């Protein structure tokens, strides 16, 4: 059975971006393991879960019901309750890697982790399926191979777009300050700097509606070989479905070689 790793920070990750892919993977029969900095169960961003502090934008910015349900089910999974440490995960053989995002301050320990960056580099070197969504693409962009270049150099990708990030910030800055600004530089700007060409960053159509299992066409992803990326929680269902397609193909190819 193929093993998929989902690393998470100790706290602050987006519940939909981790929960929906986990849900679809386990339904498909894949084994999912988790990793956190200290091998303790991770905690999602509580504001995104309950909408506290979003004021008139609560229904727009809070995680949608499908994401909350997926997260709730994920937190009951024994693998989620007993994660590996980042260092333990580094020595674990995996067949796929998913990098969720989130914008809360707690994400920073995940985004700067040298151990996770080495895991990402090894996954790209082995050409196993790697999926990154939202700020998870920042972790990929910061992961550099022996040549000093990002693993995304020469790849096409998307990530949280400048317009999505700054719109959420502008709607809430009056009372939440820089809650939506994980770093002064936008995700799009940092990721684009790691690419071979600015045109390799794809913003996709306007994100007007979130996708769901019945409306995958509302989501947007970019696939380049074994690498898949998406922008925000509204792409999570399509992201999960396409990542499983990558895994199924990789597993079938491995079976054919065996």
C-alpha atoms as a PDB file:
ATOM      1  CA  UNK A   1       0.000   0.000   0.000  1.00  0.00           C
ATOM      2  CA  UNK A   2       1.367   3.381  -1.001  1.00  0.00           C
ATOM      3  CA  UNK A   3       2.195   5.832   1.799  1.00  0.00           C
ATOM      4  CA  UNK A   4       1.499   9.549   1.509  1.00  0.00           C
ATOM      5  CA  UNK A   5       3.062  12.072   3.881  1.00  0.00           C
ATOM      6  CA  UNK A   6       1.258  15.237   4.956  1.00  0.00           C
ATOM      7  CA  UNK A   7       3.585  17.420   7.068  1.00  0.00           C
ATOM      8  CA  UNK A   8       1.954  20.121   9.180  1.00  0.00           C
ATOM      9  CA  UNK A   9       3.048  22.888  11.557  1.00  0.00           C
ATOM     10  CA  UNK A  10       2.231  22.570  15.232  1.00  0.00           C
ATOM     11  CA  UNK A  11      -0.637  24.993  14.716  1.00  0.00           C
ATOM     12  CA  UNK A  12      -2.157  27.370  12.207  1.00  0.00           C
ATOM     13  CA  UNK A  13      -2.653  25.295   9.053  1.00  0.00           C
ATOM     14  CA  UNK A  14      -5.742  25.519   6.884  1.00  0.00           C
ATOM     15  CA  UNK A  15      -8.219  22.736   7.773  1.00  0.00           C
ATOM     16  CA  UNK A  16      -9.615  22.345   4.249  1.00  0.00           C
ATOM     17  CA  UNK A  17      -6.261  22.145   2.502  1.00  0.00           C
ATOM     18  CA  UNK A  18      -5.189  19.244   4.715  1.00  0.00           C
ATOM     19  CA  UNK A  19      -8.551  17.636   5.464  1.00  0.00           C
ATOM     20  CA  UNK A  20      -9.993  17.295   1.965  1.00  0.00           C
ATOM     21  CA  UNK A  21      -6.920  15.607   0.413  1.00  0.00           C
ATOM     22  CA  UNK A  22      -6.637  13.309   3.453  1.00  0.00           C
ATOM     23  CA  UNK A  23     -10.315  12.359   3.146  1.00  0.00           C
ATOM     24  CA  UNK A  24     -10.070  11.541  -0.553  1.00  0.00           C
ATOM     25  CA  UNK A  25      -6.835   9.595  -0.139  1.00  0.00           C
ATOM     26  CA  UNK A  26      -8.140   7.330   2.604  1.00  0.00           C
ATOM     27  CA  UNK A  27     -11.355   6.738   0.670  1.00  0.00           C
ATOM     28  CA  UNK A  28      -9.193   5.556  -2.202  1.00  0.00           C
ATOM     29  CA  UNK A  29      -7.352   3.181   0.104  1.00  0.00           C
ATOM     30  CA  UNK A  30      -4.056   5.017   0.437  1.00  0.00           C
ATOM     31  CA  UNK A  31      -2.155   5.119   3.726  1.00  0.00           C
ATOM     32  CA  UNK A  32      -1.613   8.651   5.014  1.00  0.00           C
ATOM     33  CA  UNK A  33       0.903   9.581   7.686  1.00  0.00           C
ATOM     34  CA  UNK A  34       1.472  12.978   9.261  1.00  0.00           C
ATOM     35  CA  UNK A  35       4.520  14.812  10.585  1.00  0.00           C
ATOM     36  CA  UNK A  36       4.780  17.754  12.965  1.00  0.00           C
ATOM     37  CA  UNK A  37       7.791  19.493  14.532  1.00  0.00           C
ATOM     38  CA  UNK A  38       7.560  17.653  17.859  1.00  0.00           C
ATOM     39  CA  UNK A  39       5.467  14.560  16.983  1.00  0.00           C
ATOM     40  CA  UNK A  40       2.424  16.038  18.715  1.00  0.00           C
ATOM     41  CA  UNK A  41      -0.942  16.342  16.959  1.00  0.00           C
ATOM     42  CA  UNK A  42      -1.252  19.512  14.909  1.00  0.00           C
ATOM     43  CA  UNK A  43      -3.973  22.113  15.388  1.00  0.00           C
ATOM     44  CA  UNK A  44      -5.634  23.962  12.542  1.00  0.00           C
ATOM     45  CA  UNK A  45      -6.122  27.710  12.554  1.00  0.00           C
ATOM     46  CA  UNK A  46      -9.093  28.116  14.958  1.00  0.00           C
ATOM     47  CA  UNK A  47     -10.206  31.362  13.356  1.00  0.00           C
ATOM     48  CA  UNK A  48     -10.706  29.645  10.003  1.00  0.00           C
ATOM     49  CA  UNK A  49     -12.653  26.857  11.692  1.00  0.00           C
ATOM     50  CA  UNK A  50     -15.115  28.992  13.644  1.00  0.00           C
ATOM     51  CA  UNK A  51     -14.974  32.313  11.814  1.00  0.00           C
ATOM     52  CA  UNK A  52     -14.277  34.355  14.948  1.00  0.00           C
ATOM     53  CA  UNK A  53     -13.127  37.856  14.116  1.00  0.00           C
ATOM     54  CA  UNK A  54     -14.130  37.846  10.467  1.00  0.00           C
ATOM     55  CA  UNK A  55     -17.043  40.188  11.174  1.00  0.00           C
ATOM     56  CA  UNK A  56     -19.326  40.688   8.161  1.00  0.00           C
ATOM     57  CA  UNK A  57     -17.060  38.452   6.060  1.00  0.00           C
ATOM     58  CA  UNK A  58     -17.495  35.371   8.269  1.00  0.00           C
ATOM     59  CA  UNK A  59     -19.421  33.304   5.724  1.00  0.00           C
ATOM     60  CA  UNK A  60     -16.923  34.216   3.003  1.00  0.00           C
ATOM     61  CA  UNK A  61     -13.672  33.605   4.883  1.00  0.00           C
ATOM     62  CA  UNK A  62     -14.549  30.767   7.225  1.00  0.00           C
ATOM     63  CA  UNK A  63     -13.802  27.205   6.071  1.00  0.00           C
ATOM     64  CA  UNK A  64     -16.819  25.806   4.276  1.00  0.00           C
ATOM     65  CA  UNK A  65     -18.805  22.923   5.763  1.00  0.00           C
ATOM     66  CA  UNK A  66     -17.177  20.235   3.591  1.00  0.00           C
ATOM     67  CA  UNK A  67     -13.735  21.322   4.723  1.00  0.00           C
ATOM     68  CA  UNK A  68     -14.747  21.443   8.371  1.00  0.00           C
ATOM     69  CA  UNK A  69     -16.256  17.949   8.160  1.00  0.00           C
ATOM     70  CA  UNK A  70     -13.144  16.581   6.494  1.00  0.00           C
ATOM     71  CA  UNK A  71     -10.943  18.168   9.159  1.00  0.00           C
ATOM     72  CA  UNK A  72     -13.076  16.775  11.972  1.00  0.00           C
ATOM     73  CA  UNK A  73     -12.825  13.274  10.521  1.00  0.00           C
ATOM     74  CA  UNK A  74      -9.082  13.663   9.991  1.00  0.00           C
ATOM     75  CA  UNK A  75      -8.478  14.623  13.635  1.00  0.00           C
ATOM     76  CA  UNK A  76     -10.050  11.312  14.698  1.00  0.00           C
ATOM     77  CA  UNK A  77      -7.636   9.319  12.542  1.00  0.00           C
ATOM     78  CA  UNK A  78      -5.072   7.424  14.693  1.00  0.00           C
ATOM     79  CA  UNK A  79      -2.325   8.490  12.278  1.00  0.00           C
ATOM     80  CA  UNK A  80      -3.203  12.147  12.851  1.00  0.00           C
ATOM     81  CA  UNK A  81      -3.233  11.629  16.617  1.00  0.00           C
ATOM     82  CA  UNK A  82       0.208   9.995  16.551  1.00  0.00           C
ATOM     83  CA  UNK A  83       2.252  11.883  13.947  1.00  0.00           C
ATOM     84  CA  UNK A  84       5.903  11.443  13.178  1.00  0.00           C
ATOM     85  CA  UNK A  85       8.356  14.197  13.989  1.00  0.00           C
ATOM     86  CA  UNK A  86       9.840  16.019  11.018  1.00  0.00           C
ATOM     87  CA  UNK A  87      13.131  14.187  11.589  1.00  0.00           C
ATOM     88  CA  UNK A  88      11.412  10.805  11.764  1.00  0.00           C
ATOM     89  CA  UNK A  89       9.594  11.617   8.527  1.00  0.00           C
ATOM     90  CA  UNK A  90      12.918  12.397   6.864  1.00  0.00           C
ATOM     91  CA  UNK A  91      13.961   8.765   7.250  1.00  0.00           C
ATOM     92  CA  UNK A  92      10.575   7.337   6.203  1.00  0.00           C
ATOM     93  CA  UNK A  93      10.047   6.006   2.690  1.00  0.00           C
ATOM     94  CA  UNK A  94       7.025   7.632   1.107  1.00  0.00           C
ATOM     95  CA  UNK A  95       5.258   7.339  -2.242  1.00  0.00           C
ATOM     96  CA  UNK A  96       3.677  10.793  -2.319  1.00  0.00           C
ATOM     97  CA  UNK A  97       3.859  14.141  -0.543  1.00  0.00           C
ATOM     98  CA  UNK A  98       1.190  16.770   0.080  1.00  0.00           C
ATOM     99  CA  UNK A  99       2.103  20.260   1.306  1.00  0.00           C
ATOM    100  CA  UNK A 100      -0.971  22.063   2.719  1.00  0.00           C
ATOM    101  CA  UNK A 101      -1.015  25.776   3.357  1.00  0.00           C
ATOM    102  CA  UNK A 102      -2.367  28.298   5.806  1.00  0.00           C
ATOM    103  CA  UNK A 103      -1.544  31.916   6.541  1.00  0.00           C
ATOM    104  CA  UNK A 104      -1.544  32.176  10.360  1.00  0.00           C
ATOM    105  CA  UNK A 105       1.736  32.990  12.132  1.00  0.00           C
ATOM    106  CA  UNK A 106       2.077  29.380  13.299  1.00  0.00           C
ATOM    107  CA  UNK A 107       2.802  28.355   9.699  1.00  0.00           C
ATOM    108  CA  UNK A 108       6.250  29.905   9.788  1.00  0.00           C
ATOM    109  CA  UNK A 109       7.961  26.996  11.584  1.00  0.00           C
ATOM    110  CA  UNK A 110       6.748  24.743   8.773  1.00  0.00           C
ATOM    111  CA  UNK A 111       7.689  27.115   5.976  1.00  0.00           C
ATOM    112  CA  UNK A 112      11.265  27.616   7.220  1.00  0.00           C
ATOM    113  CA  UNK A 113      11.969  24.016   8.253  1.00  0.00           C
ATOM    114  CA  UNK A 114      15.213  22.773   6.758  1.00  0.00           C
ATOM    115  CA  UNK A 115      14.169  19.192   7.456  1.00  0.00           C
ATOM    116  CA  UNK A 116      10.965  19.589   5.454  1.00  0.00           C
ATOM    117  CA  UNK A 117      12.868  21.279   2.662  1.00  0.00           C
ATOM    118  CA  UNK A 118      15.155  18.248   2.441  1.00  0.00           C
ATOM    119  CA  UNK A 119      12.105  15.974   2.290  1.00  0.00           C
ATOM    120  CA  UNK A 120      10.713  18.056  -0.568  1.00  0.00           C
ATOM    121  CA  UNK A 121      14.015  17.964  -2.459  1.00  0.00           C
ATOM    122  CA  UNK A 122      14.228  14.193  -2.111  1.00  0.00           C
ATOM    123  CA  UNK A 123      10.630  13.797  -3.314  1.00  0.00           C
ATOM    124  CA  UNK A 124      11.416  15.836  -6.436  1.00  0.00           C
ATOM    125  CA  UNK A 125      14.625  13.883  -7.025  1.00  0.00           C
ATOM    126  CA  UNK A 126      12.685  10.607  -6.818  1.00  0.00           C
ATOM    127  CA  UNK A 127       9.927  12.065  -9.009  1.00  0.00           C
ATOM    128  CA  UNK A 128       7.161  10.836  -6.733  1.00  0.00           C
ATOM    129  CA  UNK A 129       3.841  12.758  -6.785  1.00  0.00           C
ATOM    130  CA  UNK A 130       4.105  16.064  -4.916  1.00  0.00           C
ATOM    131  CA  UNK A 131       1.106  18.304  -4.342  1.00  0.00           C
ATOM    132  CA  UNK A 132       1.328  21.822  -2.874  1.00  0.00           C
ATOM    133  CA  UNK A 133      -1.516  24.234  -2.228  1.00  0.00           C
ATOM    134  CA  UNK A 134      -1.549  27.877  -1.135  1.00  0.00           C
ATOM    135  CA  UNK A 135       1.396  28.568   1.220  1.00  0.00           C
ATOM    136  CA  UNK A 136       2.528  24.971   0.744  1.00  0.00           C
ATOM    137  CA  UNK A 137       3.971  26.177  -2.571  1.00  0.00           C
ATOM    138  CA  UNK A 138       6.211  28.555  -0.580  1.00  0.00           C
ATOM    139  CA  UNK A 139       7.753  25.543   1.169  1.00  0.00           C
ATOM    140  CA  UNK A 140       8.398  23.947  -2.214  1.00  0.00           C
ATOM    141  CA  UNK A 141       9.845  27.178  -3.602  1.00  0.00           C
ATOM    142  CA  UNK A 142      12.264  27.416  -0.668  1.00  0.00           C
ATOM    143  CA  UNK A 143      13.474  23.831  -1.143  1.00  0.00           C
ATOM    144  CA  UNK A 144      16.741  23.942  -3.084  1.00  0.00           C
ATOM    145  CA  UNK A 145      18.685  21.135  -4.664  1.00  0.00           C
ATOM    146  CA  UNK A 146      22.417  20.642  -4.894  1.00  0.00           C
ATOM    147  CA  UNK A 147      22.587  23.207  -7.708  1.00  0.00           C
ATOM    148  CA  UNK A 148      21.201  25.891  -5.385  1.00  0.00           C
ATOM    149  CA  UNK A 149      18.046  26.285  -7.408  1.00  0.00           C
ATOM    150  CA  UNK A 150      14.519  25.798  -6.140  1.00  0.00           C
ATOM    151  CA  UNK A 151      12.894  22.481  -7.019  1.00  0.00           C
ATOM    152  CA  UNK A 152      10.316  24.638  -8.811  1.00  0.00           C
ATOM    153  CA  UNK A 153      12.888  26.148 -11.174  1.00  0.00           C
ATOM    154  CA  UNK A 154      11.777  25.079 -14.647  1.00  0.00           C
ATOM    155  CA  UNK A 155       8.320  24.044 -13.403  1.00  0.00           C
ATOM    156  CA  UNK A 156       4.963  25.642 -14.005  1.00  0.00           C
ATOM    157  CA  UNK A 157       3.027  26.345 -10.836  1.00  0.00           C
ATOM    158  CA  UNK A 158       0.303  28.293  -9.152  1.00  0.00           C
ATOM    159  CA  UNK A 159      -0.039  29.320  -5.502  1.00  0.00           C
ATOM    160  CA  UNK A 160      -2.015  31.801  -3.440  1.00  0.00           C
ATOM    161  CA  UNK A 161      -2.312  34.710  -5.839  1.00  0.00           C
ATOM    162  CA  UNK A 162      -1.520  38.290  -4.951  1.00  0.00           C
ATOM    163  CA  UNK A 163      -5.134  39.316  -5.531  1.00  0.00           C
ATOM    164  CA  UNK A 164      -6.532  36.615  -3.236  1.00  0.00           C
ATOM    165  CA  UNK A 165      -4.027  37.378  -0.469  1.00  0.00           C
ATOM    166  CA  UNK A 166      -4.411  41.153  -0.569  1.00  0.00           C
ATOM    167  CA  UNK A 167      -8.199  41.047  -0.885  1.00  0.00           C
ATOM    168  CA  UNK A 168      -8.534  38.967   2.299  1.00  0.00           C
ATOM    169  CA  UNK A 169      -6.067  41.271   4.045  1.00  0.00           C
ATOM    170  CA  UNK A 170      -7.900  44.431   2.928  1.00  0.00           C
ATOM    171  CA  UNK A 171     -11.271  43.084   4.086  1.00  0.00           C
ATOM    172  CA  UNK A 172     -10.011  42.416   7.625  1.00  0.00           C
ATOM    173  CA  UNK A 173      -6.957  44.626   8.221  1.00  0.00           C
ATOM    174  CA  UNK A 174      -8.924  47.224  10.183  1.00  0.00           C
ATOM    175  CA  UNK A 175      -9.452  44.840  13.097  1.00  0.00           C
ATOM    176  CA  UNK A 176      -7.187  41.840  12.360  1.00  0.00           C
ATOM    177  CA  UNK A 177      -4.101  43.759  11.265  1.00  0.00           C
ATOM    178  CA  UNK A 178      -1.716  41.614   9.233  1.00  0.00           C
ATOM    179  CA  UNK A 179      -3.388  38.310  10.068  1.00  0.00           C
ATOM    180  CA  UNK A 180      -3.612  37.532   6.338  1.00  0.00           C
ATOM    181  CA  UNK A 181      -0.032  38.632   5.635  1.00  0.00           C
ATOM    182  CA  UNK A 182       2.210  35.777   6.745  1.00  0.00           C
ATOM    183  CA  UNK A 183       5.168  37.726   5.376  1.00  0.00           C
ATOM    184  CA  UNK A 184       5.515  41.287   4.032  1.00  0.00           C
ATOM    185  CA  UNK A 185       6.156  39.800   0.584  1.00  0.00           C
ATOM    186  CA  UNK A 186       3.174  38.114  -1.052  1.00  0.00           C
ATOM    187  CA  UNK A 187       3.179  34.396  -1.757  1.00  0.00           C
ATOM    188  CA  UNK A 188       2.964  35.053  -5.481  1.00  0.00           C
ATOM    189  CA  UNK A 189       6.000  37.334  -5.417  1.00  0.00           C
ATOM    190  CA  UNK A 190       8.205  34.902  -3.491  1.00  0.00           C
ATOM    191  CA  UNK A 191       7.203  31.874  -5.532  1.00  0.00           C
ATOM    192  CA  UNK A 192       7.688  33.715  -8.826  1.00  0.00           C
ATOM    193  CA  UNK A 193      11.252  34.657  -7.850  1.00  0.00           C
ATOM    194  CA  UNK A 194      12.100  30.948  -7.559  1.00  0.00           C
ATOM    195  CA  UNK A 195      10.924  30.111 -11.089  1.00  0.00           C
ATOM    196  CA  UNK A 196      12.848  30.064 -14.342  1.00  0.00           C
ATOM    197  CA  UNK A 197      10.390  32.519 -15.928  1.00  0.00           C
ATOM    198  CA  UNK A 198       7.719  34.806 -14.520  1.00  0.00           C
ATOM    199  CA  UNK A 199       5.301  33.296 -17.029  1.00  0.00           C
ATOM    200  CA  UNK A 200       5.677  29.920 -15.278  1.00  0.00           C
ATOM    201  CA  UNK A 201       3.399  31.264 -12.527  1.00  0.00           C
ATOM    202  CA  UNK A 202      -0.256  30.762 -13.497  1.00  0.00           C
ATOM    203  CA  UNK A 203      -2.934  32.761 -11.674  1.00  0.00           C
ATOM    204  CA  UNK A 204      -5.913  30.998 -13.210  1.00  0.00           C
ATOM    205  CA  UNK A 205      -9.423  32.449 -13.509  1.00  0.00           C
ATOM    206  CA  UNK A 206     -11.033  34.646 -10.886  1.00  0.00           C
ATOM    207  CA  UNK A 207     -11.743  32.604  -7.763  1.00  0.00           C
ATOM    208  CA  UNK A 208     -15.422  33.446  -7.457  1.00  0.00           C
ATOM    209  CA  UNK A 209     -16.713  30.170  -5.968  1.00  0.00           C
ATOM    210  CA  UNK A 210     -15.205  27.275  -4.070  1.00  0.00           C
ATOM    211  CA  UNK A 211     -15.229  23.847  -5.607  1.00  0.00           C
ATOM    212  CA  UNK A 212     -16.742  20.704  -4.104  1.00  0.00           C
ATOM    213  CA  UNK A 213     -16.933  17.019  -5.000  1.00  0.00           C
ATOM    214  CA  UNK A 214     -19.698  17.663  -7.544  1.00  0.00           C
ATOM    215  CA  UNK A 215     -18.172  20.818  -9.027  1.00  0.00           C
ATOM    216  CA  UNK A 216     -14.477  20.170  -9.546  1.00  0.00           C
ATOM    217  CA  UNK A 217     -14.511  22.581 -12.493  1.00  0.00           C
ATOM    218  CA  UNK A 218     -14.727  25.496 -10.060  1.00  0.00           C
ATOM    219  CA  UNK A 219     -11.236  24.720  -8.798  1.00  0.00           C
ATOM    220  CA  UNK A 220      -7.953  25.516 -10.509  1.00  0.00           C
ATOM    221  CA  UNK A 221      -4.757  23.494 -10.500  1.00  0.00           C
ATOM    222  CA  UNK A 222      -1.516  23.374 -12.458  1.00  0.00           C
ATOM    223  CA  UNK A 223       0.069  20.021 -13.194  1.00  0.00           C
ATOM    224  CA  UNK A 224       3.659  19.740 -14.410  1.00  0.00           C
ATOM    225  CA  UNK A 225       4.916  16.169 -14.534  1.00  0.00           C
ATOM    226  CA  UNK A 226       4.756  14.661 -11.050  1.00  0.00           C
ATOM    227  CA  UNK A 227       4.105  18.068  -9.448  1.00  0.00           C
ATOM    228  CA  UNK A 228       0.621  19.500  -8.798  1.00  0.00           C
ATOM    229  CA  UNK A 229      -0.239  22.905  -7.335  1.00  0.00           C
ATOM    230  CA  UNK A 230      -3.346  24.859  -6.347  1.00  0.00           C
ATOM    231  CA  UNK A 231      -4.136  28.337  -5.020  1.00  0.00           C
ATOM    232  CA  UNK A 232      -6.495  28.316  -2.020  1.00  0.00           C
ATOM    233  CA  UNK A 233      -9.065  26.202  -0.115  1.00  0.00           C
ATOM    234  CA  UNK A 234     -11.544  26.769  -2.920  1.00  0.00           C
ATOM    235  CA  UNK A 235      -9.412  24.516  -5.152  1.00  0.00           C
ATOM    236  CA  UNK A 236      -9.013  21.712  -2.598  1.00  0.00           C
ATOM    237  CA  UNK A 237     -11.437  19.136  -4.039  1.00  0.00           C
ATOM    238  CA  UNK A 238     -10.023  19.385  -7.546  1.00  0.00           C
ATOM    239  CA  UNK A 239      -6.512  19.359  -6.089  1.00  0.00           C
ATOM    240  CA  UNK A 240      -7.272  16.136  -4.187  1.00  0.00           C
ATOM    241  CA  UNK A 241      -8.864  14.437  -7.194  1.00  0.00           C
ATOM    242  CA  UNK A 242      -5.972  15.272  -9.505  1.00  0.00           C
ATOM    243  CA  UNK A 243      -3.373  14.270  -6.931  1.00  0.00           C
ATOM    244  CA  UNK A 244      -5.021  10.850  -6.705  1.00  0.00           C
ATOM    245  CA  UNK A 245      -4.825  10.586 -10.502  1.00  0.00           C
ATOM    246  CA  UNK A 246      -1.075  11.200 -10.235  1.00  0.00           C
ATOM    247  CA  UNK A 247      -0.749   8.587  -7.490  1.00  0.00           C
ATOM    248  CA  UNK A 248      -2.811   5.998  -9.334  1.00  0.00           C
ATOM    249  CA  UNK A 249      -0.650   6.450 -12.438  1.00  0.00           C
ATOM    250  CA  UNK A 250       2.575   6.273 -10.428  1.00  0.00           C
ATOM    251  CA  UNK A 251       1.458   3.130  -8.605  1.00  0.00           C
ATOM    252  CA  UNK A 252       0.369   1.492 -11.870  1.00  0.00           C
ATOM    253  CA  UNK A 253       3.743   2.277 -13.440  1.00  0.00           C
ATOM    254  CA  UNK A 254       5.567   0.888 -10.414  1.00  0.00           C
ATOM    255  CA  UNK A 255       3.456  -2.273 -10.587  1.00  0.00           C
ATOM    256  CA  UNK A 256       4.273  -2.681 -14.257  1.00  0.00           C
ATOM    257  CA  UNK A 257       7.996  -2.432 -13.506  1.00  0.00           C
ATOM    258  CA  UNK A 258       7.833  -4.947 -10.633  1.00  0.00           C
END
